[in-house]
N, C-alpha and C. Protein backbone atom coordinates (compact mmCIF):
# COMPACT_ATOMS: atom_id res chain seq x y z
N UNK A 1 -8.05 -41.54 6.97
CA UNK A 1 -7.75 -42.09 8.29
C UNK A 1 -6.91 -43.36 8.16
N UNK A 2 -7.31 -44.27 7.24
CA UNK A 2 -6.59 -45.53 7.10
C UNK A 2 -5.16 -45.28 6.65
N UNK A 3 -4.97 -44.36 5.69
CA UNK A 3 -3.62 -44.08 5.20
C UNK A 3 -2.75 -43.50 6.30
N UNK A 4 -3.34 -42.69 7.17
CA UNK A 4 -2.57 -42.13 8.29
C UNK A 4 -2.11 -43.23 9.24
N UNK A 5 -3.02 -44.15 9.57
CA UNK A 5 -2.67 -45.22 10.51
C UNK A 5 -1.56 -46.09 9.95
N UNK A 6 -1.65 -46.43 8.65
CA UNK A 6 -0.61 -47.23 8.02
C UNK A 6 0.72 -46.50 8.07
N UNK A 7 0.68 -45.20 7.77
CA UNK A 7 1.91 -44.40 7.80
C UNK A 7 2.50 -44.35 9.20
N UNK A 8 1.64 -44.20 10.21
CA UNK A 8 2.11 -44.11 11.60
C UNK A 8 2.73 -45.43 12.05
N UNK A 9 2.10 -46.54 11.67
CA UNK A 9 2.65 -47.85 12.04
C UNK A 9 4.01 -48.06 11.39
N UNK A 10 4.12 -47.69 10.12
CA UNK A 10 5.40 -47.83 9.43
C UNK A 10 6.48 -46.97 10.09
N UNK A 11 6.08 -45.77 10.52
CA UNK A 11 7.03 -44.90 11.21
C UNK A 11 7.51 -45.55 12.50
N UNK A 12 6.57 -46.08 13.29
CA UNK A 12 6.93 -46.66 14.58
C UNK A 12 7.86 -47.86 14.41
N UNK A 13 7.59 -48.68 13.40
CA UNK A 13 8.41 -49.86 13.18
C UNK A 13 9.83 -49.50 12.74
N UNK A 14 9.95 -48.40 12.01
CA UNK A 14 11.26 -48.01 11.49
C UNK A 14 12.03 -47.10 12.44
N UNK A 15 11.39 -46.68 13.55
CA UNK A 15 12.05 -45.80 14.50
C UNK A 15 11.87 -46.37 15.91
N UNK A 16 12.65 -47.38 16.30
CA UNK A 16 12.53 -47.90 17.66
C UNK A 16 12.78 -46.80 18.68
N UNK A 17 11.90 -46.71 19.70
CA UNK A 17 11.95 -45.58 20.64
C UNK A 17 13.03 -45.78 21.69
N UNK A 18 14.04 -44.94 21.67
CA UNK A 18 15.07 -44.92 22.70
C UNK A 18 14.81 -43.72 23.59
N UNK A 19 15.19 -43.83 24.87
CA UNK A 19 14.86 -42.78 25.83
C UNK A 19 15.47 -41.44 25.45
N UNK A 20 16.69 -41.45 24.88
CA UNK A 20 17.37 -40.19 24.62
C UNK A 20 16.84 -39.44 23.41
N UNK A 21 16.08 -40.08 22.53
CA UNK A 21 15.55 -39.36 21.37
C UNK A 21 14.03 -39.51 21.23
N UNK A 22 13.36 -39.85 22.34
CA UNK A 22 11.92 -40.04 22.28
C UNK A 22 11.20 -38.76 21.94
N UNK A 23 11.67 -37.61 22.46
CA UNK A 23 11.03 -36.34 22.14
C UNK A 23 11.13 -36.03 20.65
N UNK A 24 12.29 -36.29 20.06
CA UNK A 24 12.46 -36.03 18.63
C UNK A 24 11.60 -36.96 17.80
N UNK A 25 11.49 -38.21 18.21
CA UNK A 25 10.64 -39.15 17.48
C UNK A 25 9.18 -38.76 17.58
N UNK A 26 8.76 -38.27 18.76
CA UNK A 26 7.37 -37.82 18.91
C UNK A 26 7.08 -36.63 18.01
N UNK A 27 8.00 -35.67 17.96
CA UNK A 27 7.81 -34.50 17.09
C UNK A 27 7.71 -34.93 15.63
N UNK A 28 8.55 -35.88 15.22
CA UNK A 28 8.51 -36.35 13.83
C UNK A 28 7.21 -37.11 13.54
N UNK A 29 6.75 -37.91 14.50
CA UNK A 29 5.52 -38.66 14.29
C UNK A 29 4.31 -37.73 14.21
N UNK A 30 4.31 -36.67 15.01
CA UNK A 30 3.23 -35.69 14.91
C UNK A 30 3.15 -35.08 13.52
N UNK A 31 4.31 -34.94 12.87
CA UNK A 31 4.32 -34.36 11.52
C UNK A 31 3.59 -35.24 10.52
N UNK A 32 3.50 -36.55 10.80
CA UNK A 32 2.77 -37.43 9.88
C UNK A 32 1.27 -37.19 9.96
N UNK A 33 0.81 -36.47 10.98
CA UNK A 33 -0.61 -36.15 11.07
C UNK A 33 -1.02 -35.14 10.01
N UNK A 34 -0.10 -34.23 9.64
CA UNK A 34 -0.47 -33.16 8.70
C UNK A 34 -0.82 -33.66 7.32
N UNK A 35 -0.02 -34.55 6.69
CA UNK A 35 -0.41 -35.00 5.34
C UNK A 35 -1.74 -35.74 5.31
N UNK A 36 -2.12 -36.37 6.40
CA UNK A 36 -3.38 -37.08 6.45
C UNK A 36 -4.57 -36.19 6.71
N UNK A 37 -4.32 -34.87 6.86
CA UNK A 37 -5.42 -33.95 7.08
C UNK A 37 -5.89 -33.88 8.52
N UNK A 38 -5.21 -34.59 9.44
CA UNK A 38 -5.65 -34.56 10.83
C UNK A 38 -5.28 -33.24 11.50
N UNK A 39 -4.19 -32.63 11.09
CA UNK A 39 -3.73 -31.37 11.66
C UNK A 39 -3.49 -30.37 10.55
N UNK A 40 -3.91 -29.14 10.79
CA UNK A 40 -3.74 -28.10 9.77
C UNK A 40 -2.69 -27.06 10.16
N UNK A 41 -2.36 -26.96 11.45
CA UNK A 41 -1.36 -25.98 11.88
C UNK A 41 0.01 -26.37 11.34
N UNK A 42 0.72 -25.41 10.80
CA UNK A 42 2.05 -25.65 10.28
C UNK A 42 3.03 -25.84 11.43
N UNK A 43 4.10 -26.58 11.17
CA UNK A 43 5.07 -26.91 12.22
C UNK A 43 5.62 -25.66 12.88
N UNK A 44 5.88 -24.61 12.09
CA UNK A 44 6.47 -23.41 12.66
C UNK A 44 5.49 -22.65 13.55
N UNK A 45 4.20 -22.96 13.44
CA UNK A 45 3.19 -22.29 14.26
C UNK A 45 2.87 -23.05 15.53
N UNK A 46 3.46 -24.22 15.70
CA UNK A 46 3.11 -25.06 16.85
C UNK A 46 4.23 -25.07 17.87
N UNK A 47 3.89 -25.01 19.16
CA UNK A 47 4.93 -25.20 20.18
C UNK A 47 5.40 -26.64 20.19
N UNK A 48 6.51 -26.89 20.85
CA UNK A 48 7.02 -28.25 20.96
C UNK A 48 6.00 -29.12 21.70
N UNK A 49 5.92 -30.41 21.35
CA UNK A 49 4.98 -31.29 22.05
C UNK A 49 5.23 -31.30 23.56
N UNK A 50 4.14 -31.38 24.31
CA UNK A 50 4.22 -31.50 25.76
C UNK A 50 4.34 -32.97 26.14
N UNK A 51 5.30 -33.26 26.99
CA UNK A 51 5.55 -34.65 27.40
C UNK A 51 5.16 -34.84 28.86
N UNK A 52 4.42 -35.90 29.13
CA UNK A 52 4.01 -36.23 30.51
C UNK A 52 4.23 -37.72 30.74
N UNK A 53 4.68 -38.07 31.94
CA UNK A 53 4.93 -39.48 32.27
C UNK A 53 4.10 -39.85 33.49
N UNK A 54 3.44 -41.00 33.41
CA UNK A 54 2.58 -41.47 34.49
C UNK A 54 2.91 -42.92 34.82
N UNK A 55 2.64 -43.30 36.06
CA UNK A 55 2.68 -44.70 36.47
C UNK A 55 1.23 -45.17 36.54
N UNK A 56 0.90 -46.16 35.72
CA UNK A 56 -0.50 -46.55 35.53
C UNK A 56 -0.69 -48.00 35.99
N UNK A 57 -1.76 -48.28 36.74
CA UNK A 57 -2.01 -49.66 37.17
C UNK A 57 -2.20 -50.60 35.99
N UNK A 58 -1.67 -51.81 36.12
CA UNK A 58 -1.81 -52.86 35.11
C UNK A 58 -1.83 -54.20 35.83
N UNK A 59 -2.31 -55.26 35.15
CA UNK A 59 -2.37 -56.57 35.81
C UNK A 59 -1.03 -57.04 36.37
N UNK A 60 0.07 -56.67 35.71
CA UNK A 60 1.40 -57.10 36.16
C UNK A 60 2.05 -56.09 37.10
N UNK A 61 1.30 -55.08 37.53
CA UNK A 61 1.84 -54.03 38.39
C UNK A 61 1.89 -52.70 37.65
N UNK A 62 2.23 -51.65 38.34
CA UNK A 62 2.26 -50.32 37.73
C UNK A 62 3.25 -50.28 36.57
N UNK A 63 2.83 -49.63 35.49
CA UNK A 63 3.65 -49.53 34.30
C UNK A 63 3.85 -48.06 33.93
N UNK A 64 5.06 -47.68 33.44
CA UNK A 64 5.26 -46.30 33.00
C UNK A 64 4.59 -46.06 31.65
N UNK A 65 3.87 -44.96 31.56
CA UNK A 65 3.20 -44.57 30.32
C UNK A 65 3.54 -43.11 30.06
N UNK A 66 4.05 -42.82 28.88
CA UNK A 66 4.40 -41.45 28.50
C UNK A 66 3.40 -40.96 27.46
N UNK A 67 2.86 -39.76 27.69
CA UNK A 67 1.89 -39.16 26.78
C UNK A 67 2.49 -37.88 26.19
N UNK A 68 2.36 -37.72 24.89
CA UNK A 68 2.78 -36.50 24.21
C UNK A 68 1.53 -35.80 23.66
N UNK A 69 1.51 -34.47 23.79
CA UNK A 69 0.39 -33.67 23.32
C UNK A 69 0.91 -32.57 22.40
N UNK A 70 0.23 -32.36 21.26
CA UNK A 70 0.67 -31.35 20.30
C UNK A 70 -0.54 -30.64 19.70
N UNK A 71 -0.36 -29.36 19.40
CA UNK A 71 -1.43 -28.56 18.81
C UNK A 71 -1.63 -28.91 17.35
N UNK A 72 -2.88 -29.16 16.98
CA UNK A 72 -3.23 -29.44 15.58
C UNK A 72 -3.84 -28.22 14.89
N UNK A 73 -4.68 -27.51 15.60
CA UNK A 73 -5.37 -26.37 15.01
C UNK A 73 -5.91 -25.50 16.13
N UNK A 74 -6.15 -24.24 15.82
CA UNK A 74 -6.69 -23.32 16.81
C UNK A 74 -7.67 -22.38 16.14
N UNK A 75 -8.83 -22.20 16.75
CA UNK A 75 -9.83 -21.27 16.25
C UNK A 75 -10.09 -20.19 17.29
N UNK A 76 -11.20 -19.51 17.13
CA UNK A 76 -11.52 -18.41 18.03
C UNK A 76 -11.76 -18.89 19.45
N UNK A 77 -12.38 -20.07 19.61
CA UNK A 77 -12.70 -20.56 20.94
C UNK A 77 -12.50 -22.06 21.10
N UNK A 78 -11.89 -22.71 20.13
CA UNK A 78 -11.59 -24.13 20.21
C UNK A 78 -10.13 -24.38 19.86
N UNK A 79 -9.46 -25.17 20.68
CA UNK A 79 -8.08 -25.60 20.44
C UNK A 79 -8.08 -27.10 20.20
N UNK A 80 -7.55 -27.52 19.05
CA UNK A 80 -7.56 -28.93 18.65
C UNK A 80 -6.18 -29.53 18.93
N UNK A 81 -6.16 -30.62 19.71
CA UNK A 81 -4.92 -31.25 20.12
C UNK A 81 -4.88 -32.72 19.69
N UNK A 82 -3.68 -33.20 19.37
CA UNK A 82 -3.44 -34.61 19.08
C UNK A 82 -2.52 -35.19 20.15
N UNK A 83 -2.58 -36.53 20.30
CA UNK A 83 -1.82 -37.18 21.37
C UNK A 83 -1.12 -38.43 20.84
N UNK A 84 0.05 -38.70 21.44
CA UNK A 84 0.78 -39.95 21.23
C UNK A 84 0.96 -40.64 22.57
N UNK A 85 1.17 -41.94 22.54
CA UNK A 85 1.43 -42.71 23.75
C UNK A 85 2.68 -43.56 23.55
N UNK A 86 3.50 -43.66 24.59
CA UNK A 86 4.66 -44.56 24.55
C UNK A 86 4.60 -45.47 25.76
N UNK A 87 4.72 -46.79 25.50
CA UNK A 87 4.83 -47.78 26.57
C UNK A 87 6.00 -48.69 26.23
N UNK A 88 6.53 -49.36 27.26
CA UNK A 88 7.65 -50.27 27.04
C UNK A 88 7.25 -51.41 26.11
N UNK A 89 6.00 -51.84 26.18
CA UNK A 89 5.55 -52.99 25.39
C UNK A 89 5.28 -52.62 23.94
N UNK A 90 4.60 -51.48 23.71
CA UNK A 90 4.13 -51.15 22.36
C UNK A 90 4.91 -50.03 21.69
N UNK A 91 5.83 -49.39 22.41
CA UNK A 91 6.59 -48.31 21.80
C UNK A 91 5.75 -47.05 21.64
N UNK A 92 6.10 -46.24 20.63
CA UNK A 92 5.46 -44.96 20.39
C UNK A 92 4.41 -45.11 19.30
N UNK A 93 3.22 -44.61 19.54
CA UNK A 93 2.14 -44.72 18.56
C UNK A 93 1.11 -43.61 18.79
N UNK A 94 0.32 -43.30 17.76
CA UNK A 94 -0.74 -42.29 17.93
C UNK A 94 -1.87 -42.82 18.80
N UNK A 95 -2.55 -41.92 19.45
CA UNK A 95 -3.71 -42.27 20.27
C UNK A 95 -4.99 -41.95 19.52
N UNK A 96 -5.98 -42.81 19.69
CA UNK A 96 -7.33 -42.51 19.24
C UNK A 96 -8.26 -42.59 20.45
N UNK A 97 -9.37 -41.90 20.37
CA UNK A 97 -10.28 -41.79 21.51
C UNK A 97 -11.69 -42.18 21.07
N UNK A 98 -12.32 -43.02 21.87
CA UNK A 98 -13.69 -43.42 21.59
C UNK A 98 -14.62 -42.24 21.85
N UNK A 99 -15.61 -42.06 20.96
CA UNK A 99 -16.63 -41.03 21.14
C UNK A 99 -17.98 -41.62 20.76
N UNK A 100 -19.04 -41.27 21.50
CA UNK A 100 -20.36 -41.77 21.14
C UNK A 100 -20.94 -41.01 19.96
N UNK A 101 -21.71 -41.71 19.14
CA UNK A 101 -22.51 -41.07 18.10
C UNK A 101 -23.88 -40.84 18.71
N UNK A 102 -24.29 -39.59 18.81
CA UNK A 102 -25.51 -39.24 19.53
C UNK A 102 -26.56 -38.68 18.57
N UNK A 103 -27.75 -39.19 18.69
CA UNK A 103 -28.87 -38.71 17.89
C UNK A 103 -29.50 -37.52 18.58
N UNK A 104 -29.44 -36.36 17.93
CA UNK A 104 -30.08 -35.15 18.43
C UNK A 104 -31.34 -34.93 17.60
N UNK A 105 -32.54 -34.92 18.20
CA UNK A 105 -33.78 -34.73 17.44
C UNK A 105 -33.73 -33.49 16.55
N UNK A 106 -34.50 -33.51 15.47
CA UNK A 106 -34.46 -32.44 14.48
C UNK A 106 -34.65 -31.07 15.09
N UNK A 107 -35.50 -30.97 16.12
CA UNK A 107 -35.74 -29.66 16.70
C UNK A 107 -34.56 -29.14 17.51
N UNK A 108 -33.55 -30.04 17.75
CA UNK A 108 -32.36 -29.64 18.50
C UNK A 108 -31.28 -29.22 17.51
N UNK A 109 -31.51 -28.16 16.79
CA UNK A 109 -30.59 -27.74 15.73
C UNK A 109 -29.38 -27.03 16.31
N UNK A 110 -28.19 -27.29 15.72
CA UNK A 110 -27.00 -26.54 16.11
C UNK A 110 -27.07 -25.11 15.57
N UNK A 111 -27.91 -24.86 14.59
CA UNK A 111 -28.02 -23.53 13.99
C UNK A 111 -28.99 -22.71 14.82
N UNK A 112 -28.46 -22.00 15.83
CA UNK A 112 -29.33 -21.28 16.74
C UNK A 112 -30.13 -20.19 16.05
N UNK A 113 -29.67 -19.72 14.89
CA UNK A 113 -30.40 -18.69 14.17
C UNK A 113 -31.73 -19.20 13.63
N UNK A 114 -31.88 -20.53 13.53
CA UNK A 114 -33.13 -21.10 13.03
C UNK A 114 -34.19 -21.23 14.12
N UNK A 115 -33.80 -20.96 15.38
CA UNK A 115 -34.77 -20.97 16.46
C UNK A 115 -35.21 -22.35 16.91
N UNK A 116 -34.35 -23.36 16.81
CA UNK A 116 -34.71 -24.71 17.23
C UNK A 116 -33.75 -25.19 18.33
N UNK A 117 -33.74 -24.54 19.48
CA UNK A 117 -32.86 -25.02 20.55
C UNK A 117 -33.43 -26.26 21.20
N UNK A 118 -32.53 -27.02 21.82
CA UNK A 118 -32.97 -28.21 22.54
C UNK A 118 -33.61 -27.81 23.86
N UNK A 119 -34.52 -28.63 24.33
CA UNK A 119 -35.11 -28.43 25.64
C UNK A 119 -34.12 -28.87 26.71
N UNK A 120 -33.82 -28.03 27.72
CA UNK A 120 -32.88 -28.47 28.76
C UNK A 120 -33.32 -29.79 29.38
N UNK A 121 -32.36 -30.72 29.49
CA UNK A 121 -32.66 -32.02 30.07
C UNK A 121 -33.27 -33.01 29.11
N UNK A 122 -33.42 -32.63 27.84
CA UNK A 122 -34.02 -33.55 26.87
C UNK A 122 -33.15 -34.79 26.70
N UNK A 123 -33.81 -35.94 26.51
CA UNK A 123 -33.09 -37.20 26.34
C UNK A 123 -32.41 -37.24 24.98
N UNK A 124 -31.14 -37.64 24.97
CA UNK A 124 -30.37 -37.79 23.75
C UNK A 124 -29.89 -39.24 23.69
N UNK A 125 -30.05 -39.88 22.55
CA UNK A 125 -29.78 -41.32 22.45
C UNK A 125 -28.44 -41.58 21.77
N UNK A 126 -27.66 -42.51 22.35
CA UNK A 126 -26.43 -42.99 21.71
C UNK A 126 -26.82 -44.04 20.68
N UNK A 127 -26.40 -43.82 19.44
CA UNK A 127 -26.73 -44.77 18.36
C UNK A 127 -25.53 -45.61 17.94
N UNK A 128 -24.37 -45.33 18.49
CA UNK A 128 -23.17 -46.09 18.15
C UNK A 128 -21.95 -45.40 18.71
N UNK A 129 -20.78 -45.88 18.30
CA UNK A 129 -19.52 -45.30 18.76
C UNK A 129 -18.56 -45.16 17.58
N UNK A 130 -17.73 -44.13 17.65
CA UNK A 130 -16.69 -43.93 16.66
C UNK A 130 -15.39 -43.60 17.37
N UNK A 131 -14.40 -43.17 16.61
CA UNK A 131 -13.12 -42.76 17.20
C UNK A 131 -12.68 -41.45 16.58
N UNK A 132 -11.86 -40.73 17.32
CA UNK A 132 -11.28 -39.49 16.83
C UNK A 132 -9.80 -39.48 17.16
N UNK A 133 -9.00 -38.89 16.28
CA UNK A 133 -7.56 -38.78 16.51
C UNK A 133 -7.20 -37.49 17.22
N UNK A 134 -8.17 -36.58 17.40
CA UNK A 134 -7.91 -35.30 18.05
C UNK A 134 -8.98 -35.02 19.09
N UNK A 135 -8.65 -34.17 20.05
CA UNK A 135 -9.58 -33.72 21.08
C UNK A 135 -9.61 -32.19 21.09
N UNK A 136 -10.75 -31.65 21.48
CA UNK A 136 -10.95 -30.20 21.45
C UNK A 136 -10.95 -29.65 22.87
N UNK A 137 -10.12 -28.65 23.09
CA UNK A 137 -9.96 -28.00 24.39
C UNK A 137 -9.69 -29.02 25.50
N UNK A 138 -8.70 -29.89 25.33
CA UNK A 138 -8.45 -30.90 26.36
C UNK A 138 -7.69 -30.33 27.56
N UNK A 139 -7.97 -30.90 28.71
CA UNK A 139 -7.24 -30.60 29.94
C UNK A 139 -6.76 -31.92 30.52
N UNK A 140 -5.45 -32.04 30.76
CA UNK A 140 -4.85 -33.28 31.24
C UNK A 140 -4.56 -33.18 32.73
N UNK A 141 -5.09 -34.12 33.51
CA UNK A 141 -4.80 -34.18 34.93
C UNK A 141 -3.35 -34.61 35.12
N UNK A 142 -2.56 -33.77 35.76
CA UNK A 142 -1.13 -34.03 35.87
C UNK A 142 -0.82 -35.18 36.82
N UNK A 143 -1.77 -35.60 37.64
CA UNK A 143 -1.53 -36.70 38.57
C UNK A 143 -1.93 -38.05 38.00
N UNK A 144 -3.04 -38.08 37.25
CA UNK A 144 -3.58 -39.36 36.77
C UNK A 144 -3.52 -39.53 35.27
N UNK A 145 -3.34 -38.43 34.52
CA UNK A 145 -3.36 -38.51 33.06
C UNK A 145 -4.76 -38.45 32.48
N UNK A 146 -5.78 -38.40 33.32
CA UNK A 146 -7.16 -38.32 32.82
C UNK A 146 -7.33 -37.06 31.97
N UNK A 147 -8.07 -37.17 30.87
CA UNK A 147 -8.30 -36.04 29.98
C UNK A 147 -9.77 -35.66 30.02
N UNK A 148 -10.02 -34.35 30.18
CA UNK A 148 -11.37 -33.80 30.09
C UNK A 148 -11.40 -32.77 28.98
N UNK A 149 -12.49 -32.73 28.20
CA UNK A 149 -12.60 -31.79 27.09
C UNK A 149 -13.87 -30.97 27.19
N UNK A 150 -13.88 -29.83 26.49
CA UNK A 150 -15.08 -29.02 26.36
C UNK A 150 -15.10 -28.39 24.97
N UNK A 151 -15.82 -29.01 24.06
CA UNK A 151 -15.94 -28.51 22.69
C UNK A 151 -17.08 -27.51 22.63
N UNK A 152 -16.77 -26.28 22.22
CA UNK A 152 -17.79 -25.23 22.12
C UNK A 152 -18.36 -25.19 20.70
N UNK A 153 -19.69 -25.21 20.59
CA UNK A 153 -20.34 -25.11 19.29
C UNK A 153 -20.57 -23.66 18.88
N UNK A 154 -20.46 -22.76 19.86
CA UNK A 154 -20.37 -21.33 19.57
C UNK A 154 -19.65 -20.68 20.73
N UNK A 155 -19.18 -19.43 20.52
CA UNK A 155 -18.31 -18.79 21.48
C UNK A 155 -18.90 -18.59 22.86
N UNK A 156 -20.21 -18.41 22.95
CA UNK A 156 -20.86 -18.20 24.23
C UNK A 156 -20.69 -19.40 25.16
N UNK A 157 -20.51 -20.59 24.58
CA UNK A 157 -20.30 -21.78 25.38
C UNK A 157 -21.55 -22.41 25.92
N UNK A 158 -22.73 -21.97 25.42
CA UNK A 158 -23.99 -22.53 25.90
C UNK A 158 -24.44 -23.73 25.09
N UNK A 159 -23.60 -24.21 24.19
CA UNK A 159 -23.88 -25.42 23.42
C UNK A 159 -22.55 -26.07 23.09
N UNK A 160 -22.52 -27.41 23.17
CA UNK A 160 -21.28 -28.11 22.88
C UNK A 160 -21.29 -29.51 23.44
N UNK A 161 -20.12 -30.12 23.43
CA UNK A 161 -19.96 -31.49 23.92
C UNK A 161 -18.72 -31.56 24.80
N UNK A 162 -18.77 -32.40 25.82
CA UNK A 162 -17.62 -32.57 26.70
C UNK A 162 -17.47 -34.05 27.04
N UNK A 163 -16.24 -34.45 27.30
CA UNK A 163 -15.98 -35.85 27.61
C UNK A 163 -14.86 -36.00 28.62
N UNK A 164 -14.79 -37.20 29.21
CA UNK A 164 -13.72 -37.55 30.15
C UNK A 164 -13.20 -38.93 29.74
N UNK A 165 -11.87 -39.03 29.60
CA UNK A 165 -11.23 -40.30 29.24
C UNK A 165 -10.21 -40.66 30.32
N UNK A 166 -10.25 -41.92 30.78
CA UNK A 166 -9.31 -42.41 31.78
C UNK A 166 -8.09 -43.03 31.10
N UNK A 167 -6.91 -42.74 31.63
CA UNK A 167 -5.68 -43.33 31.12
C UNK A 167 -5.49 -44.73 31.70
N UNK A 168 -5.22 -45.70 30.83
CA UNK A 168 -4.89 -47.06 31.24
C UNK A 168 -3.51 -47.40 30.68
N UNK A 169 -3.04 -48.59 30.96
CA UNK A 169 -1.72 -49.01 30.50
C UNK A 169 -1.67 -49.23 28.99
N UNK A 170 -2.81 -49.25 28.33
CA UNK A 170 -2.84 -49.49 26.88
C UNK A 170 -3.43 -48.32 26.09
N UNK A 171 -3.85 -47.27 26.76
CA UNK A 171 -4.45 -46.14 26.06
C UNK A 171 -5.54 -45.51 26.91
N UNK A 172 -6.46 -44.82 26.22
CA UNK A 172 -7.52 -44.11 26.93
C UNK A 172 -8.87 -44.80 26.75
N UNK A 173 -9.67 -44.77 27.82
CA UNK A 173 -11.00 -45.36 27.82
C UNK A 173 -12.01 -44.27 28.15
N UNK A 174 -13.04 -44.15 27.33
CA UNK A 174 -14.08 -43.15 27.56
C UNK A 174 -14.85 -43.48 28.83
N UNK A 175 -14.99 -42.48 29.70
CA UNK A 175 -15.69 -42.70 30.97
C UNK A 175 -17.00 -41.91 31.04
N UNK A 176 -16.99 -40.66 30.54
CA UNK A 176 -18.18 -39.82 30.66
C UNK A 176 -18.31 -38.94 29.42
N UNK A 177 -19.55 -38.69 28.98
CA UNK A 177 -19.76 -37.82 27.82
C UNK A 177 -21.06 -37.05 28.02
N UNK A 178 -21.01 -35.75 27.74
CA UNK A 178 -22.17 -34.88 27.92
C UNK A 178 -22.34 -33.98 26.70
N UNK A 179 -23.58 -33.63 26.42
CA UNK A 179 -23.91 -32.76 25.29
C UNK A 179 -24.89 -31.69 25.77
N UNK A 180 -24.67 -30.47 25.34
CA UNK A 180 -25.60 -29.37 25.56
C UNK A 180 -25.97 -28.80 24.20
N UNK A 181 -27.20 -29.02 23.77
CA UNK A 181 -27.65 -28.53 22.46
C UNK A 181 -28.72 -27.46 22.60
N UNK A 182 -28.69 -26.72 23.71
CA UNK A 182 -29.79 -25.79 24.00
C UNK A 182 -29.65 -24.42 23.34
N UNK A 183 -28.43 -23.90 23.23
CA UNK A 183 -28.22 -22.53 22.72
C UNK A 183 -29.12 -21.53 23.45
N UNK A 184 -29.23 -21.65 24.77
CA UNK A 184 -30.17 -20.83 25.51
C UNK A 184 -29.51 -19.82 26.44
N UNK A 185 -28.19 -19.65 26.29
CA UNK A 185 -27.49 -18.71 27.15
C UNK A 185 -27.07 -19.28 28.49
N UNK A 186 -27.43 -20.55 28.74
CA UNK A 186 -27.06 -21.21 29.99
C UNK A 186 -26.36 -22.53 29.66
N UNK A 187 -25.68 -23.09 30.64
CA UNK A 187 -25.02 -24.38 30.47
C UNK A 187 -25.95 -25.46 31.01
N UNK A 188 -26.55 -26.25 30.10
CA UNK A 188 -27.52 -27.28 30.46
C UNK A 188 -27.14 -28.62 29.81
N UNK A 189 -26.02 -29.21 30.20
CA UNK A 189 -25.59 -30.45 29.54
C UNK A 189 -26.46 -31.64 29.92
N UNK A 190 -26.58 -32.57 28.97
CA UNK A 190 -27.25 -33.84 29.20
C UNK A 190 -26.17 -34.92 29.20
N UNK A 191 -26.11 -35.73 30.25
CA UNK A 191 -25.14 -36.81 30.33
C UNK A 191 -25.65 -37.99 29.53
N UNK A 192 -24.90 -38.36 28.49
CA UNK A 192 -25.32 -39.49 27.65
C UNK A 192 -24.53 -40.76 27.99
N UNK A 193 -23.42 -40.62 28.70
CA UNK A 193 -22.64 -41.79 29.13
C UNK A 193 -21.96 -41.44 30.44
N UNK A 194 -22.08 -42.32 31.44
CA UNK A 194 -21.43 -42.09 32.73
C UNK A 194 -21.12 -43.44 33.36
N UNK A 195 -19.89 -43.90 33.18
CA UNK A 195 -19.47 -45.15 33.79
C UNK A 195 -19.23 -44.94 35.29
N UNK A 196 -19.44 -45.95 36.11
CA UNK A 196 -19.42 -45.75 37.56
C UNK A 196 -18.06 -45.52 38.17
N UNK A 197 -16.97 -45.87 37.47
CA UNK A 197 -15.65 -45.69 38.07
C UNK A 197 -14.56 -45.89 37.03
N UNK A 198 -13.29 -45.71 37.43
CA UNK A 198 -12.17 -45.90 36.50
C UNK A 198 -12.23 -47.28 35.85
N UNK A 199 -11.85 -47.31 34.58
CA UNK A 199 -11.88 -48.55 33.81
C UNK A 199 -10.46 -49.10 33.75
N UNK A 200 -10.26 -50.33 34.18
CA UNK A 200 -8.93 -50.94 34.18
C UNK A 200 -8.64 -51.55 32.82
N UNK A 201 -7.40 -51.46 32.37
CA UNK A 201 -7.00 -52.08 31.11
C UNK A 201 -6.94 -53.58 31.29
N UNK A 202 -7.26 -54.31 30.25
CA UNK A 202 -7.20 -55.77 30.30
C UNK A 202 -5.76 -56.24 30.09
C-alpha cells in the first residue's frame, strides 16, 4: 500500500493535470494500481475509465470535482472498482475510503457450511477504522456523487457488507455501514454506523 501511494504521488507531481488530457492521465494513473496488487484485471480486459463531474459545496462556495472510476477485478457476483479524484486545488490523485473494522462474534462465521450463522439483529461492535483503495459493487449517484456499495459474501446475497460514502470537496466521507452475517436466506443487515446527515468538508 505504501509503495503504491508513493508511486501515485510521484505520478501526480510529474503529470500536471490539463483539461485536454485529463482522461489520458487518469487511465495512466489507474495502471499504477496494478503493480501494487490493488487491481488484477489486465488493461485490455477493462473498459475505459468512467468520468463524472460534480459541483460540490465547500466553505469558499461550490467547487468542481471530477471522479474517475475503473474496473479492478470481477468475480461471479462481485465487481471491484477503483476511483480517482481531480480538483483544481489538489489535481489528480487516487481515492481511499474509510471502512469500519467490525468485530463479529465467533458464532457469526462467514463459513455457512459450519452452521454458525449470525442471529438477525445481533449487535456488532466497531473496533476501529481502516481504509481501502477499492470498493465492491459500487453505485454512483449521478446527481450528488454519493457512492453506495453491496459486497456479497456468497452469491445468494444473504450475507455481506454495504456502505454509503458522501462526496465532499476533498474526497469521500463514510456516512453509513451495514453488515449481514446471517447466511439465513434472507437479507437481515445490522447498521453499525449511521451518521445523521451529509458530512461537509473542512
